Amino acid sequence: MSSINEMNNDQKVKSTGTVKWFNDAKGFGFITPDDGGEEIFAHFSSIQMDGFRTLKEGQKVSYELTQGPKGKQALNITKPQI
């Protein structure tokens, strides 16, 4: 598996984590990865779920990890596959 430092803009790593916090008014929050490491930025536009695009504190999620302009960022955020 590639590390985030080896990723370019076209590479994405599938990961899972837990929502640390999410602010509905601002439309963003952070995810704590299950495998440890730094928190991942989550923007409402990356949430791929039905209804109002929000996340709840403590919610388990799956996402694609990419390098954003200011650090690690989650894309295609969904409920984890069982």
PDB file of N, CA and C in Angstrom:
ATOM      1  N   MET A   1       0.847  -1.175   0.000  1.00  0.00           N
ATOM      2  CA  MET A   1       0.000   0.000   0.000  1.00  0.00           C
ATOM      3  C   MET A   1       0.895   1.241   0.000  1.00  0.00           C
ATOM      4  N   SER A   2       0.536   2.254  -0.756  1.00  0.00           N
ATOM      5  CA  SER A   2       1.313   3.491  -0.851  1.00  0.00           C
ATOM      6  C   SER A   2       1.120   4.334   0.394  1.00  0.00           C
ATOM      7  N   SER A   3       2.158   5.053   0.754  1.00  0.00           N
ATOM      8  CA  SER A   3       1.990   6.024   1.831  1.00  0.00           C
ATOM      9  C   SER A   3       1.453   7.309   1.224  1.00  0.00           C
ATOM     10  N   ILE A   4       0.912   8.162   2.055  1.00  0.00           N
ATOM     11  CA  ILE A   4       0.352   9.425   1.570  1.00  0.00           C
ATOM     12  C   ILE A   4       1.432  10.274   0.916  1.00  0.00           C
ATOM     13  N   ASN A   5       2.674  10.148   1.367  1.00  0.00           N
ATOM     14  CA  ASN A   5       3.759  10.937   0.795  1.00  0.00           C
ATOM     15  C   ASN A   5       4.092  10.518  -0.624  1.00  0.00           C
ATOM     16  N   GLU A   6       3.759   9.283  -1.007  1.00  0.00           N
ATOM     17  CA  GLU A   6       4.048   8.788  -2.342  1.00  0.00           C
ATOM     18  C   GLU A   6       2.892   9.026  -3.303  1.00  0.00           C
ATOM     19  N   MET A   7       1.768   9.519  -2.797  1.00  0.00           N
ATOM     20  CA  MET A   7       0.583   9.681  -3.626  1.00  0.00           C
ATOM     21  C   MET A   7       0.683  10.919  -4.496  1.00  0.00           C
ATOM     22  N   ASN A   8       0.157  10.811  -5.719  1.00  0.00           N
ATOM     23  CA  ASN A   8      -0.031  12.012  -6.518  1.00  0.00           C
ATOM     24  C   ASN A   8      -1.528  12.286  -6.560  1.00  0.00           C
ATOM     25  N   ASN A   9      -1.943  13.286  -7.307  1.00  0.00           N
ATOM     26  CA  ASN A   9      -3.354  13.689  -7.300  1.00  0.00           C
ATOM     27  C   ASN A   9      -4.296  12.628  -7.843  1.00  0.00           C
ATOM     28  N   ASP A  10      -3.792  11.652  -8.623  1.00  0.00           N
ATOM     29  CA  ASP A  10      -4.647  10.629  -9.208  1.00  0.00           C
ATOM     30  C   ASP A  10      -4.778   9.390  -8.327  1.00  0.00           C
ATOM     31  N   GLN A  11      -3.938   9.252  -7.317  1.00  0.00           N
ATOM     32  CA  GLN A  11      -3.965   8.076  -6.464  1.00  0.00           C
ATOM     33  C   GLN A  11      -4.832   8.330  -5.237  1.00  0.00           C
ATOM     34  N   LYS A  12      -5.608   7.303  -4.877  1.00  0.00           N
ATOM     35  CA  LYS A  12      -6.439   7.386  -3.683  1.00  0.00           C
ATOM     36  C   LYS A  12      -6.309   6.073  -2.927  1.00  0.00           C
ATOM     37  N   VAL A  13      -6.242   6.136  -1.613  1.00  0.00           N
ATOM     38  CA  VAL A  13      -6.121   4.962  -0.764  1.00  0.00           C
ATOM     39  C   VAL A  13      -7.428   4.796   0.001  1.00  0.00           C
ATOM     40  N   LYS A  14      -8.077   3.608  -0.100  1.00  0.00           N
ATOM     41  CA  LYS A  14      -9.320   3.354   0.639  1.00  0.00           C
ATOM     42  C   LYS A  14      -8.995   3.125   2.106  1.00  0.00           C
ATOM     43  N   SER A  15      -9.755   3.778   2.977  1.00  0.00           N
ATOM     44  CA  SER A  15      -9.527   3.694   4.417  1.00  0.00           C
ATOM     45  C   SER A  15     -10.851   3.766   5.162  1.00  0.00           C
ATOM     46  N   THR A  16     -10.796   3.485   6.463  1.00  0.00           N
ATOM     47  CA  THR A  16     -11.958   3.629   7.332  1.00  0.00           C
ATOM     48  C   THR A  16     -11.552   4.427   8.563  1.00  0.00           C
ATOM     49  N   GLY A  17     -12.544   5.026   9.200  1.00  0.00           N
ATOM     50  CA  GLY A  17     -12.258   5.811  10.388  1.00  0.00           C
ATOM     51  C   GLY A  17     -13.529   6.172  11.125  1.00  0.00           C
ATOM     52  N   THR A  18     -13.373   7.034  12.122  1.00  0.00           N
ATOM     53  CA  THR A  18     -14.474   7.493  12.966  1.00  0.00           C
ATOM     54  C   THR A  18     -14.510   9.016  12.929  1.00  0.00           C
ATOM     55  N   VAL A  19     -15.705   9.567  12.766  1.00  0.00           N
ATOM     56  CA  VAL A  19     -15.857  11.021  12.726  1.00  0.00           C
ATOM     57  C   VAL A  19     -15.508  11.589  14.097  1.00  0.00           C
ATOM     58  N   LYS A  20     -14.522  12.487  14.137  1.00  0.00           N
ATOM     59  CA  LYS A  20     -14.146  13.156  15.388  1.00  0.00           C
ATOM     60  C   LYS A  20     -15.139  14.273  15.671  1.00  0.00           C
ATOM     61  N   TRP A  21     -15.386  15.124  14.672  1.00  0.00           N
ATOM     62  CA  TRP A  21     -16.414  16.159  14.768  1.00  0.00           C
ATOM     63  C   TRP A  21     -16.758  16.632  13.368  1.00  0.00           C
ATOM     64  N   PHE A  22     -17.966  17.187  13.226  1.00  0.00           N
ATOM     65  CA  PHE A  22     -18.417  17.734  11.948  1.00  0.00           C
ATOM     66  C   PHE A  22     -19.340  18.903  12.239  1.00  0.00           C
ATOM     67  N   ASN A  23     -19.070  20.061  11.638  1.00  0.00           N
ATOM     68  CA  ASN A  23     -19.859  21.272  11.841  1.00  0.00           C
ATOM     69  C   ASN A  23     -20.785  21.453  10.641  1.00  0.00           C
ATOM     70  N   ASP A  24     -22.092  21.239  10.845  1.00  0.00           N
ATOM     71  CA  ASP A  24     -23.066  21.381   9.754  1.00  0.00           C
ATOM     72  C   ASP A  24     -23.064  22.784   9.165  1.00  0.00           C
ATOM     73  N   ALA A  25     -22.956  23.800  10.007  1.00  0.00           N
ATOM     74  CA  ALA A  25     -23.012  25.189   9.538  1.00  0.00           C
ATOM     75  C   ALA A  25     -21.835  25.516   8.625  1.00  0.00           C
ATOM     76  N   LYS A  26     -20.669  25.006   8.952  1.00  0.00           N
ATOM     77  CA  LYS A  26     -19.476  25.276   8.141  1.00  0.00           C
ATOM     78  C   LYS A  26     -19.270  24.237   7.049  1.00  0.00           C
ATOM     79  N   GLY A  27     -19.883  23.062   7.202  1.00  0.00           N
ATOM     80  CA  GLY A  27     -19.812  22.035   6.169  1.00  0.00           C
ATOM     81  C   GLY A  27     -18.524  21.235   6.139  1.00  0.00           C
ATOM     82  N   PHE A  28     -17.836  21.168   7.268  1.00  0.00           N
ATOM     83  CA  PHE A  28     -16.628  20.348   7.307  1.00  0.00           C
ATOM     84  C   PHE A  28     -16.365  19.840   8.711  1.00  0.00           C
ATOM     85  N   GLY A  29     -15.439  18.893   8.794  1.00  0.00           N
ATOM     86  CA  GLY A  29     -15.031  18.326  10.069  1.00  0.00           C
ATOM     87  C   GLY A  29     -13.812  17.454   9.862  1.00  0.00           C
ATOM     88  N   PHE A  30     -13.575  16.546  10.810  1.00  0.00           N
ATOM     89  CA  PHE A  30     -12.391  15.697  10.737  1.00  0.00           C
ATOM     90  C   PHE A  30     -12.724  14.257  11.103  1.00  0.00           C
ATOM     91  N   ILE A  31     -11.992  13.336  10.486  1.00  0.00           N
ATOM     92  CA  ILE A  31     -12.124  11.902  10.707  1.00  0.00           C
ATOM     93  C   ILE A  31     -10.830  11.405  11.342  1.00  0.00           C
ATOM     94  N   THR A  32     -10.950  10.545  12.361  1.00  0.00           N
ATOM     95  CA  THR A  32      -9.789   9.886  12.952  1.00  0.00           C
ATOM     96  C   THR A  32      -9.628   8.535  12.259  1.00  0.00           C
ATOM     97  N   PRO A  33      -8.513   8.300  11.570  1.00  0.00           N
ATOM     98  CA  PRO A  33      -8.334   7.033  10.854  1.00  0.00           C
ATOM     99  C   PRO A  33      -8.233   5.843  11.811  1.00  0.00           C
ATOM    100  N   ASP A  34      -8.794   4.694  11.405  1.00  0.00           N
ATOM    101  CA  ASP A  34      -8.739   3.484  12.226  1.00  0.00           C
ATOM    102  C   ASP A  34      -7.309   2.996  12.424  1.00  0.00           C
ATOM    103  N   ASP A  35      -6.441   3.250  11.448  1.00  0.00           N
ATOM    104  CA  ASP A  35      -5.061   2.760  11.544  1.00  0.00           C
ATOM    105  C   ASP A  35      -4.124   3.769  12.203  1.00  0.00           C
ATOM    106  N   GLY A  36      -4.691   4.794  12.824  1.00  0.00           N
ATOM    107  CA  GLY A  36      -3.884   5.802  13.514  1.00  0.00           C
ATOM    108  C   GLY A  36      -3.402   6.884  12.563  1.00  0.00           C
ATOM    109  N   GLY A  37      -2.580   7.752  13.065  1.00  0.00           N
ATOM    110  CA  GLY A  37      -2.070   8.838  12.238  1.00  0.00           C
ATOM    111  C   GLY A  37      -2.874  10.105  12.422  1.00  0.00           C
ATOM    112  N   GLU A  38      -2.522  11.102  11.604  1.00  0.00           N
ATOM    113  CA  GLU A  38      -3.159  12.408  11.745  1.00  0.00           C
ATOM    114  C   GLU A  38      -4.597  12.398  11.256  1.00  0.00           C
ATOM    115  N   GLU A  39      -5.388  13.326  11.771  1.00  0.00           N
ATOM    116  CA  GLU A  39      -6.793  13.439  11.402  1.00  0.00           C
ATOM    117  C   GLU A  39      -6.933  13.805   9.929  1.00  0.00           C
ATOM    118  N   ILE A  40      -8.067  13.403   9.348  1.00  0.00           N
ATOM    119  CA  ILE A  40      -8.345  13.600   7.930  1.00  0.00           C
ATOM    120  C   ILE A  40      -9.449  14.645   7.778  1.00  0.00           C
ATOM    121  N   PHE A  41      -9.223  15.650   6.942  1.00  0.00           N
ATOM    122  CA  PHE A  41     -10.217  16.687   6.660  1.00  0.00           C
ATOM    123  C   PHE A  41     -11.380  16.078   5.883  1.00  0.00           C
ATOM    124  N   ALA A  42     -12.610  16.423   6.260  1.00  0.00           N
ATOM    125  CA  ALA A  42     -13.814  15.936   5.583  1.00  0.00           C
ATOM    126  C   ALA A  42     -14.707  17.123   5.235  1.00  0.00           C
ATOM    127  N   HIS A  43     -15.014  17.291   3.942  1.00  0.00           N
ATOM    128  CA  HIS A  43     -15.890  18.367   3.472  1.00  0.00           C
ATOM    129  C   HIS A  43     -17.230  17.768   3.066  1.00  0.00           C
ATOM    130  N   PHE A  44     -18.319  18.503   3.296  1.00  0.00           N
ATOM    131  CA  PHE A  44     -19.658  17.969   3.006  1.00  0.00           C
ATOM    132  C   PHE A  44     -19.811  17.537   1.554  1.00  0.00           C
ATOM    133  N   SER A  45     -19.107  18.167   0.631  1.00  0.00           N
ATOM    134  CA  SER A  45     -19.239  17.825  -0.789  1.00  0.00           C
ATOM    135  C   SER A  45     -18.681  16.441  -1.107  1.00  0.00           C
ATOM    136  N   SER A  46     -17.908  15.862  -0.186  1.00  0.00           N
ATOM    137  CA  SER A  46     -17.344  14.522  -0.389  1.00  0.00           C
ATOM    138  C   SER A  46     -18.201  13.422   0.226  1.00  0.00           C
ATOM    139  N   ILE A  47     -19.297  13.785   0.897  1.00  0.00           N
ATOM    140  CA  ILE A  47     -20.165  12.797   1.541  1.00  0.00           C
ATOM    141  C   ILE A  47     -21.090  12.188   0.494  1.00  0.00           C
ATOM    142  N   GLN A  48     -21.043  10.868   0.356  1.00  0.00           N
ATOM    143  CA  GLN A  48     -21.837  10.145  -0.639  1.00  0.00           C
ATOM    144  C   GLN A  48     -22.914   9.321   0.071  1.00  0.00           C
ATOM    145  N   MET A  49     -23.876   9.997   0.698  1.00  0.00           N
ATOM    146  CA  MET A  49     -24.963   9.322   1.406  1.00  0.00           C
ATOM    147  C   MET A  49     -26.274  10.015   1.054  1.00  0.00           C
ATOM    148  N   ASP A  50     -27.384   9.296   1.232  1.00  0.00           N
ATOM    149  CA  ASP A  50     -28.700   9.864   0.947  1.00  0.00           C
ATOM    150  C   ASP A  50     -29.056  10.938   1.970  1.00  0.00           C
ATOM    151  N   GLY A  51     -29.898  11.882   1.537  1.00  0.00           N
ATOM    152  CA  GLY A  51     -30.389  12.917   2.440  1.00  0.00           C
ATOM    153  C   GLY A  51     -29.394  14.049   2.633  1.00  0.00           C
ATOM    154  N   PHE A  52     -29.571  14.767   3.739  1.00  0.00           N
ATOM    155  CA  PHE A  52     -28.713  15.899   4.075  1.00  0.00           C
ATOM    156  C   PHE A  52     -27.292  15.402   4.293  1.00  0.00           C
ATOM    157  N   ARG A  53     -26.336  16.015   3.620  1.00  0.00           N
ATOM    158  CA  ARG A  53     -24.953  15.548   3.699  1.00  0.00           C
ATOM    159  C   ARG A  53     -24.279  16.070   4.965  1.00  0.00           C
ATOM    160  N   THR A  54     -24.282  15.221   5.978  1.00  0.00           N
ATOM    161  CA  THR A  54     -23.653  15.552   7.251  1.00  0.00           C
ATOM    162  C   THR A  54     -23.065  14.293   7.850  1.00  0.00           C
ATOM    163  N   LEU A  55     -22.230  14.456   8.849  1.00  0.00           N
ATOM    164  CA  LEU A  55     -21.647  13.340   9.586  1.00  0.00           C
ATOM    165  C   LEU A  55     -21.887  13.587  11.068  1.00  0.00           C
ATOM    166  N   LYS A  56     -21.987  12.506  11.831  1.00  0.00           N
ATOM    167  CA  LYS A  56     -22.220  12.618  13.266  1.00  0.00           C
ATOM    168  C   LYS A  56     -20.977  12.160  14.024  1.00  0.00           C
ATOM    169  N   GLU A  57     -20.681  12.835  15.125  1.00  0.00           N
ATOM    170  CA  GLU A  57     -19.552  12.461  15.969  1.00  0.00           C
ATOM    171  C   GLU A  57     -19.660  10.992  16.361  1.00  0.00           C
ATOM    172  N   GLY A  58     -18.573  10.236  16.203  1.00  0.00           N
ATOM    173  CA  GLY A  58     -18.552   8.821  16.541  1.00  0.00           C
ATOM    174  C   GLY A  58     -18.993   7.900  15.420  1.00  0.00           C
ATOM    175  N   GLN A  59     -19.504   8.453  14.316  1.00  0.00           N
ATOM    176  CA  GLN A  59     -19.970   7.656  13.186  1.00  0.00           C
ATOM    177  C   GLN A  59     -18.792   6.994  12.481  1.00  0.00           C
ATOM    178  N   LYS A  60     -18.929   5.692  12.150  1.00  0.00           N
ATOM    179  CA  LYS A  60     -17.918   4.974  11.380  1.00  0.00           C
ATOM    180  C   LYS A  60     -18.136   5.285   9.902  1.00  0.00           C
ATOM    181  N   VAL A  61     -17.047   5.548   9.177  1.00  0.00           N
ATOM    182  CA  VAL A  61     -17.133   5.874   7.758  1.00  0.00           C
ATOM    183  C   VAL A  61     -16.004   5.194   6.981  1.00  0.00           C
ATOM    184  N   SER A  62     -16.237   5.024   5.682  1.00  0.00           N
ATOM    185  CA  SER A  62     -15.213   4.618   4.724  1.00  0.00           C
ATOM    186  C   SER A  62     -14.949   5.821   3.841  1.00  0.00           C
ATOM    187  N   TYR A  63     -13.745   5.935   3.339  1.00  0.00           N
ATOM    188  CA  TYR A  63     -13.402   7.076   2.492  1.00  0.00           C
ATOM    189  C   TYR A  63     -12.165   6.750   1.666  1.00  0.00           C
ATOM    190  N   GLU A  64     -11.949   7.557   0.646  1.00  0.00           N
ATOM    191  CA  GLU A  64     -10.723   7.480  -0.137  1.00  0.00           C
ATOM    192  C   GLU A  64      -9.826   8.602   0.346  1.00  0.00           C
ATOM    193  N   LEU A  65      -8.607   8.267   0.682  1.00  0.00           N
ATOM    194  CA  LEU A  65      -7.653   9.230   1.213  1.00  0.00           C
ATOM    195  C   LEU A  65      -6.846   9.836   0.076  1.00  0.00           C
ATOM    196  N   THR A  66      -6.745  11.151   0.066  1.00  0.00           N
ATOM    197  CA  THR A  66      -5.948  11.845  -0.933  1.00  0.00           C
ATOM    198  C   THR A  66      -5.208  12.993  -0.258  1.00  0.00           C
ATOM    199  N   GLN A  67      -4.282  13.561  -0.964  1.00  0.00           N
ATOM    200  CA  GLN A  67      -3.538  14.713  -0.445  1.00  0.00           C
ATOM    201  C   GLN A  67      -4.211  15.981  -0.955  1.00  0.00           C
ATOM    202  N   GLY A  68      -4.769  16.775  -0.050  1.00  0.00           N
ATOM    203  CA  GLY A  68      -5.390  18.043  -0.411  1.00  0.00           C
ATOM    204  C   GLY A  68      -4.374  19.164  -0.338  1.00  0.00           C
ATOM    205  N   PRO A  69      -4.784  20.390  -0.630  1.00  0.00           N
ATOM    206  CA  PRO A  69      -3.857  21.524  -0.614  1.00  0.00           C
ATOM    207  C   PRO A  69      -3.275  21.818   0.769  1.00  0.00           C
ATOM    208  N   LYS A  70      -4.001  21.426   1.833  1.00  0.00           N
ATOM    209  CA  LYS A  70      -3.520  21.717   3.191  1.00  0.00           C
ATOM    210  C   LYS A  70      -3.269  20.454   4.009  1.00  0.00           C
ATOM    211  N   GLY A  71      -3.237  19.300   3.367  1.00  0.00           N
ATOM    212  CA  GLY A  71      -3.000  18.055   4.097  1.00  0.00           C
ATOM    213  C   GLY A  71      -3.903  16.942   3.610  1.00  0.00           C
ATOM    214  N   LYS A  72      -3.993  15.891   4.414  1.00  0.00           N
ATOM    215  CA  LYS A  72      -4.804  14.731   4.044  1.00  0.00           C
ATOM    216  C   LYS A  72      -6.282  15.100   4.007  1.00  0.00           C
ATOM    217  N   GLN A  73      -6.982  14.534   3.004  1.00  0.00           N
ATOM    218  CA  GLN A  73      -8.389  14.856   2.792  1.00  0.00           C
ATOM    219  C   GLN A  73      -9.148  13.590   2.419  1.00  0.00           C
ATOM    220  N   ALA A  74     -10.394  13.466   2.913  1.00  0.00           N
ATOM    221  CA  ALA A  74     -11.254  12.331   2.604  1.00  0.00           C
ATOM    222  C   ALA A  74     -12.131  12.660   1.398  1.00  0.00           C
ATOM    223  N   LEU A  75     -12.223  11.709   0.470  1.00  0.00           N
ATOM    224  CA  LEU A  75     -13.104  11.811  -0.687  1.00  0.00           C
ATOM    225  C   LEU A  75     -14.071  10.634  -0.659  1.00  0.00           C
ATOM    226  N   ASN A  76     -15.212  10.764  -1.325  1.00  0.00           N
ATOM    227  CA  ASN A  76     -16.184   9.672  -1.437  1.00  0.00           C
ATOM    228  C   ASN A  76     -16.469   9.023  -0.082  1.00  0.00           C
ATOM    229  N   ILE A  77     -16.890   9.837   0.874  1.00  0.00           N
ATOM    230  CA  ILE A  77     -17.175   9.361   2.231  1.00  0.00           C
ATOM    231  C   ILE A  77     -18.508   8.608   2.228  1.00  0.00           C
ATOM    232  N   THR A  78     -18.492   7.359   2.721  1.00  0.00           N
ATOM    233  CA  THR A  78     -19.683   6.512   2.750  1.00  0.00           C
ATOM    234  C   THR A  78     -19.750   5.760   4.072  1.00  0.00           C
ATOM    235  N   LYS A  79     -20.869   5.043   4.268  1.00  0.00           N
ATOM    236  CA  LYS A  79     -20.952   4.110   5.386  1.00  0.00           C
ATOM    237  C   LYS A  79     -19.989   2.972   5.079  1.00  0.00           C
ATOM    238  N   PRO A  80     -19.343   2.399   6.104  1.00  0.00           N
ATOM    239  CA  PRO A  80     -18.391   1.313   5.838  1.00  0.00           C
ATOM    240  C   PRO A  80     -19.080   0.076   5.278  1.00  0.00           C
ATOM    241  N   GLN A  81     -18.391  -0.627   4.390  1.00  0.00           N
ATOM    242  CA  GLN A  81     -18.896  -1.885   3.838  1.00  0.00           C
ATOM    243  C   GLN A  81     -18.722  -2.971   4.888  1.00  0.00           C
ATOM    244  N   ILE A  82     -19.755  -3.777   5.085  1.00  0.00           N
ATOM    245  CA  ILE A  82     -19.696  -4.832   6.114  1.00  0.00           C
ATOM    246  C   ILE A  82     -19.287  -6.139   5.480  1.00  0.00           C
TER     247      ILE A  82
END
